[in-house]
Amino acid sequence: MLTSILVVLFSIYASVESFAYAIYEIKVNQNKSGGIILILLSLAGLILPIVSYFLF
């Protein structure tokens, strides 16, 4: 039970940090392609660990 909560919380935290850096890349560094890729990777980093933990 505790492990599943930690997996979900860590995935959410890592995803929020990556998403915030993606916004920084888009707004400050004017790097739209890098920001979009980081947003997609942060979404994958949110969904894939949680799904793989509960399936396997």
PDB file of N, CA and C in Angstrom:
ATOM      1  N   MET A   1       0.824  -1.196   0.000  1.00  0.00           N
ATOM      2  CA  MET A   1       0.000   0.000   0.000  1.00  0.00           C
ATOM      3  C   MET A   1       0.871   1.264   0.000  1.00  0.00           C
ATOM      4  N   LEU A   2       1.848   1.286   0.902  1.00  0.00           N
ATOM      5  CA  LEU A   2       2.709   2.451   0.993  1.00  0.00           C
ATOM      6  C   LEU A   2       3.548   2.617  -0.270  1.00  0.00           C
ATOM      7  N   THR A   3       3.988   1.498  -0.823  1.00  0.00           N
ATOM      8  CA  THR A   3       4.808   1.561  -2.037  1.00  0.00           C
ATOM      9  C   THR A   3       4.020   2.132  -3.206  1.00  0.00           C
ATOM     10  N   SER A   4       2.770   1.756  -3.336  1.00  0.00           N
ATOM     11  CA  SER A   4       1.963   2.287  -4.430  1.00  0.00           C
ATOM     12  C   SER A   4       1.731   3.786  -4.280  1.00  0.00           C
ATOM     13  N   ILE A   5       1.556   4.242  -3.049  1.00  0.00           N
ATOM     14  CA  ILE A   5       1.381   5.679  -2.811  1.00  0.00           C
ATOM     15  C   ILE A   5       2.665   6.421  -3.166  1.00  0.00           C
ATOM     16  N   LEU A   6       3.812   5.852  -2.792  1.00  0.00           N
ATOM     17  CA  LEU A   6       5.086   6.489  -3.102  1.00  0.00           C
ATOM     18  C   LEU A   6       5.355   6.532  -4.603  1.00  0.00           C
ATOM     19  N   VAL A   7       4.982   5.487  -5.310  1.00  0.00           N
ATOM     20  CA  VAL A   7       5.157   5.468  -6.766  1.00  0.00           C
ATOM     21  C   VAL A   7       4.324   6.574  -7.407  1.00  0.00           C
ATOM     22  N   VAL A   8       3.095   6.704  -6.996  1.00  0.00           N
ATOM     23  CA  VAL A   8       2.211   7.724  -7.556  1.00  0.00           C
ATOM     24  C   VAL A   8       2.720   9.126  -7.211  1.00  0.00           C
ATOM     25  N   LEU A   9       3.109   9.344  -5.965  1.00  0.00           N
ATOM     26  CA  LEU A   9       3.587  10.671  -5.562  1.00  0.00           C
ATOM     27  C   LEU A   9       4.882  11.055  -6.264  1.00  0.00           C
ATOM     28  N   PHE A  10       5.813  10.118  -6.382  1.00  0.00           N
ATOM     29  CA  PHE A  10       7.061  10.419  -7.063  1.00  0.00           C
ATOM     30  C   PHE A  10       6.827  10.681  -8.546  1.00  0.00           C
ATOM     31  N   SER A  11       5.932   9.940  -9.165  1.00  0.00           N
ATOM     32  CA  SER A  11       5.626  10.170 -10.580  1.00  0.00           C
ATOM     33  C   SER A  11       4.998  11.537 -10.796  1.00  0.00           C
ATOM     34  N   ILE A  12       4.104  11.923  -9.920  1.00  0.00           N
ATOM     35  CA  ILE A  12       3.481  13.243 -10.025  1.00  0.00           C
ATOM     36  C   ILE A  12       4.518  14.339  -9.819  1.00  0.00           C
ATOM     37  N   TYR A  13       5.387  14.181  -8.825  1.00  0.00           N
ATOM     38  CA  TYR A  13       6.410  15.185  -8.549  1.00  0.00           C
ATOM     39  C   TYR A  13       7.368  15.342  -9.730  1.00  0.00           C
ATOM     40  N   ALA A  14       7.839  14.224 -10.271  1.00  0.00           N
ATOM     41  CA  ALA A  14       8.768  14.284 -11.396  1.00  0.00           C
ATOM     42  C   ALA A  14       8.106  14.889 -12.623  1.00  0.00           C
ATOM     43  N   SER A  15       6.848  14.581 -12.831  1.00  0.00           N
ATOM     44  CA  SER A  15       6.127  15.118 -13.973  1.00  0.00           C
ATOM     45  C   SER A  15       5.920  16.624 -13.847  1.00  0.00           C
ATOM     46  N   VAL A  16       5.593  17.092 -12.661  1.00  0.00           N
ATOM     47  CA  VAL A  16       5.394  18.527 -12.446  1.00  0.00           C
ATOM     48  C   VAL A  16       6.703  19.286 -12.644  1.00  0.00           C
ATOM     49  N   GLU A  17       7.808  18.734 -12.138  1.00  0.00           N
ATOM     50  CA  GLU A  17       9.109  19.379 -12.318  1.00  0.00           C
ATOM     51  C   GLU A  17       9.488  19.443 -13.804  1.00  0.00           C
ATOM     52  N   SER A  18       9.267  18.371 -14.526  1.00  0.00           N
ATOM     53  CA  SER A  18       9.588  18.357 -15.955  1.00  0.00           C
ATOM     54  C   SER A  18       8.695  19.310 -16.736  1.00  0.00           C
ATOM     55  N   PHE A  19       7.421  19.365 -16.359  1.00  0.00           N
ATOM     56  CA  PHE A  19       6.489  20.259 -17.032  1.00  0.00           C
ATOM     57  C   PHE A  19       6.865  21.721 -16.778  1.00  0.00           C
ATOM     58  N   ALA A  20       7.284  22.030 -15.558  1.00  0.00           N
ATOM     59  CA  ALA A  20       7.700  23.396 -15.245  1.00  0.00           C
ATOM     60  C   ALA A  20       8.940  23.789 -16.042  1.00  0.00           C
ATOM     61  N   TYR A  21       9.879  22.872 -16.197  1.00  0.00           N
ATOM     62  CA  TYR A  21      11.061  23.175 -16.992  1.00  0.00           C
ATOM     63  C   TYR A  21      10.702  23.323 -18.470  1.00  0.00           C
ATOM     64  N   ALA A  22       9.715  22.570 -18.936  1.00  0.00           N
ATOM     65  CA  ALA A  22       9.269  22.706 -20.323  1.00  0.00           C
ATOM     66  C   ALA A  22       8.670  24.084 -20.561  1.00  0.00           C
ATOM     67  N   ILE A  23       7.890  24.578 -19.627  1.00  0.00           N
ATOM     68  CA  ILE A  23       7.327  25.925 -19.743  1.00  0.00           C
ATOM     69  C   ILE A  23       8.443  26.963 -19.748  1.00  0.00           C
ATOM     70  N   TYR A  24       9.461  26.756 -18.913  1.00  0.00           N
ATOM     71  CA  TYR A  24      10.617  27.651 -18.890  1.00  0.00           C
ATOM     72  C   TYR A  24      11.330  27.650 -20.238  1.00  0.00           C
ATOM     73  N   GLU A  25      11.507  26.483 -20.812  1.00  0.00           N
ATOM     74  CA  GLU A  25      12.173  26.387 -22.119  1.00  0.00           C
ATOM     75  C   GLU A  25      11.371  27.128 -23.192  1.00  0.00           C
ATOM     76  N   ILE A  26      10.061  27.005 -23.146  1.00  0.00           N
ATOM     77  CA  ILE A  26       9.226  27.648 -24.165  1.00  0.00           C
ATOM     78  C   ILE A  26       9.231  29.166 -23.992  1.00  0.00           C
ATOM     79  N   LYS A  27       9.053  29.644 -22.760  1.00  0.00           N
ATOM     80  CA  LYS A  27       8.897  31.081 -22.547  1.00  0.00           C
ATOM     81  C   LYS A  27      10.214  31.845 -22.500  1.00  0.00           C
ATOM     82  N   VAL A  28      11.192  31.356 -21.771  1.00  0.00           N
ATOM     83  CA  VAL A  28      12.425  32.106 -21.564  1.00  0.00           C
ATOM     84  C   VAL A  28      13.429  31.858 -22.676  1.00  0.00           C
ATOM     85  N   ASN A  29      13.658  30.603 -23.004  1.00  0.00           N
ATOM     86  CA  ASN A  29      14.685  30.269 -23.988  1.00  0.00           C
ATOM     87  C   ASN A  29      14.166  30.235 -25.422  1.00  0.00           C
ATOM     88  N   GLN A  30      12.875  30.444 -25.608  1.00  0.00           N
ATOM     89  CA  GLN A  30      12.254  30.436 -26.937  1.00  0.00           C
ATOM     90  C   GLN A  30      12.528  29.134 -27.686  1.00  0.00           C
ATOM     91  N   ASN A  31      12.534  28.027 -26.955  1.00  0.00           N
ATOM     92  CA  ASN A  31      12.794  26.720 -27.535  1.00  0.00           C
ATOM     93  C   ASN A  31      11.491  25.923 -27.533  1.00  0.00           C
ATOM     94  N   LYS A  32      10.657  26.168 -28.556  1.00  0.00           N
ATOM     95  CA  LYS A  32       9.338  25.549 -28.580  1.00  0.00           C
ATOM     96  C   LYS A  32       9.403  24.048 -28.824  1.00  0.00           C
ATOM     97  N   SER A  33      10.273  23.623 -29.719  1.00  0.00           N
ATOM     98  CA  SER A  33      10.338  22.190 -30.013  1.00  0.00           C
ATOM     99  C   SER A  33      10.839  21.405 -28.797  1.00  0.00           C
ATOM    100  N   GLY A  34      11.848  21.932 -28.108  1.00  0.00           N
ATOM    101  CA  GLY A  34      12.331  21.273 -26.898  1.00  0.00           C
ATOM    102  C   GLY A  34      11.295  21.261 -25.796  1.00  0.00           C
ATOM    103  N   GLY A  35      10.543  22.343 -25.653  1.00  0.00           N
ATOM    104  CA  GLY A  35       9.495  22.407 -24.639  1.00  0.00           C
ATOM    105  C   GLY A  35       8.370  21.433 -24.903  1.00  0.00           C
ATOM    106  N   ILE A  36       7.989  21.312 -26.161  1.00  0.00           N
ATOM    107  CA  ILE A  36       6.912  20.375 -26.508  1.00  0.00           C
ATOM    108  C   ILE A  36       7.354  18.937 -26.264  1.00  0.00           C
ATOM    109  N   ILE A  37       8.598  18.629 -26.615  1.00  0.00           N
ATOM    110  CA  ILE A  37       9.108  17.280 -26.371  1.00  0.00           C
ATOM    111  C   ILE A  37       9.162  16.995 -24.871  1.00  0.00           C
ATOM    112  N   LEU A  38       9.590  17.980 -24.085  1.00  0.00           N
ATOM    113  CA  LEU A  38       9.621  17.789 -22.634  1.00  0.00           C
ATOM    114  C   LEU A  38       8.226  17.607 -22.045  1.00  0.00           C
ATOM    115  N   ILE A  39       7.241  18.306 -22.584  1.00  0.00           N
ATOM    116  CA  ILE A  39       5.864  18.119 -22.106  1.00  0.00           C
ATOM    117  C   ILE A  39       5.391  16.702 -22.412  1.00  0.00           C
ATOM    118  N   LEU A  40       5.671  16.222 -23.606  1.00  0.00           N
ATOM    119  CA  LEU A  40       5.280  14.856 -23.953  1.00  0.00           C
ATOM    120  C   LEU A  40       5.997  13.823 -23.085  1.00  0.00           C
ATOM    121  N   LEU A  41       7.276  14.055 -22.828  1.00  0.00           N
ATOM    122  CA  LEU A  41       8.022  13.134 -21.969  1.00  0.00           C
ATOM    123  C   LEU A  41       7.529  13.187 -20.520  1.00  0.00           C
ATOM    124  N   SER A  42       7.126  14.356 -20.054  1.00  0.00           N
ATOM    125  CA  SER A  42       6.619  14.440 -18.684  1.00  0.00           C
ATOM    126  C   SER A  42       5.269  13.730 -18.556  1.00  0.00           C
ATOM    127  N   LEU A  43       4.453  13.803 -19.591  1.00  0.00           N
ATOM    128  CA  LEU A  43       3.194  13.054 -19.566  1.00  0.00           C
ATOM    129  C   LEU A  43       3.449  11.553 -19.596  1.00  0.00           C
ATOM    130  N   ALA A  44       4.407  11.129 -20.408  1.00  0.00           N
ATOM    131  CA  ALA A  44       4.762   9.711 -20.438  1.00  0.00           C
ATOM    132  C   ALA A  44       5.350   9.286 -19.101  1.00  0.00           C
ATOM    133  N   GLY A  45       6.135  10.159 -18.480  1.00  0.00           N
ATOM    134  CA  GLY A  45       6.701   9.869 -17.170  1.00  0.00           C
ATOM    135  C   GLY A  45       5.674   9.846 -16.062  1.00  0.00           C
ATOM    136  N   LEU A  46       4.555  10.458 -16.286  1.00  0.00           N
ATOM    137  CA  LEU A  46       3.471  10.392 -15.305  1.00  0.00           C
ATOM    138  C   LEU A  46       2.660   9.116 -15.470  1.00  0.00           C
ATOM    139  N   ILE A  47       2.363   8.761 -16.699  1.00  0.00           N
ATOM    140  CA  ILE A  47       1.448   7.652 -16.953  1.00  0.00           C
ATOM    141  C   ILE A  47       2.146   6.288 -16.913  1.00  0.00           C
ATOM    142  N   LEU A  48       3.269   6.150 -17.585  1.00  0.00           N
ATOM    143  CA  LEU A  48       3.900   4.838 -17.734  1.00  0.00           C
ATOM    144  C   LEU A  48       4.361   4.185 -16.428  1.00  0.00           C
ATOM    145  N   PRO A  49       5.004   4.893 -15.504  1.00  0.00           N
ATOM    146  CA  PRO A  49       5.399   4.209 -14.259  1.00  0.00           C
ATOM    147  C   PRO A  49       4.209   3.736 -13.428  1.00  0.00           C
ATOM    148  N   ILE A  50       3.158   4.524 -13.392  1.00  0.00           N
ATOM    149  CA  ILE A  50       1.988   4.131 -12.604  1.00  0.00           C
ATOM    150  C   ILE A  50       1.315   2.917 -13.223  1.00  0.00           C
ATOM    151  N   VAL A  51       1.140   2.935 -14.529  1.00  0.00           N
ATOM    152  CA  VAL A  51       0.492   1.812 -15.207  1.00  0.00           C
ATOM    153  C   VAL A  51       1.346   0.554 -15.091  1.00  0.00           C
ATOM    154  N   SER A  52       2.642   0.675 -15.298  1.00  0.00           N
ATOM    155  CA  SER A  52       3.503  -0.507 -15.231  1.00  0.00           C
ATOM    156  C   SER A  52       3.594  -1.056 -13.805  1.00  0.00           C
ATOM    157  N   TYR A  53       3.529  -0.193 -12.792  1.00  0.00           N
ATOM    158  CA  TYR A  53       3.555  -0.690 -11.422  1.00  0.00           C
ATOM    159  C   TYR A  53       2.306  -1.501 -11.096  1.00  0.00           C
ATOM    160  N   PHE A  54       1.167  -1.010 -11.535  1.00  0.00           N
ATOM    161  CA  PHE A  54      -0.059  -1.703 -11.182  1.00  0.00           C
ATOM    162  C   PHE A  54      -0.348  -2.914 -12.074  1.00  0.00           C
ATOM    163  N   LEU A  55       0.235  -2.957 -13.259  1.00  0.00           N
ATOM    164  CA  LEU A  55       0.025  -4.119 -14.139  1.00  0.00           C
ATOM    165  C   LEU A  55       0.995  -5.248 -13.858  1.00  0.00           C
ATOM    166  N   PHE A  56       2.207  -4.897 -13.468  1.00  0.00           N
ATOM    167  CA  PHE A  56       3.213  -5.945 -13.279  1.00  0.00           C
ATOM    168  C   PHE A  56       3.547  -6.018 -11.848  1.00  0.00           C
TER     169      PHE A  56
END
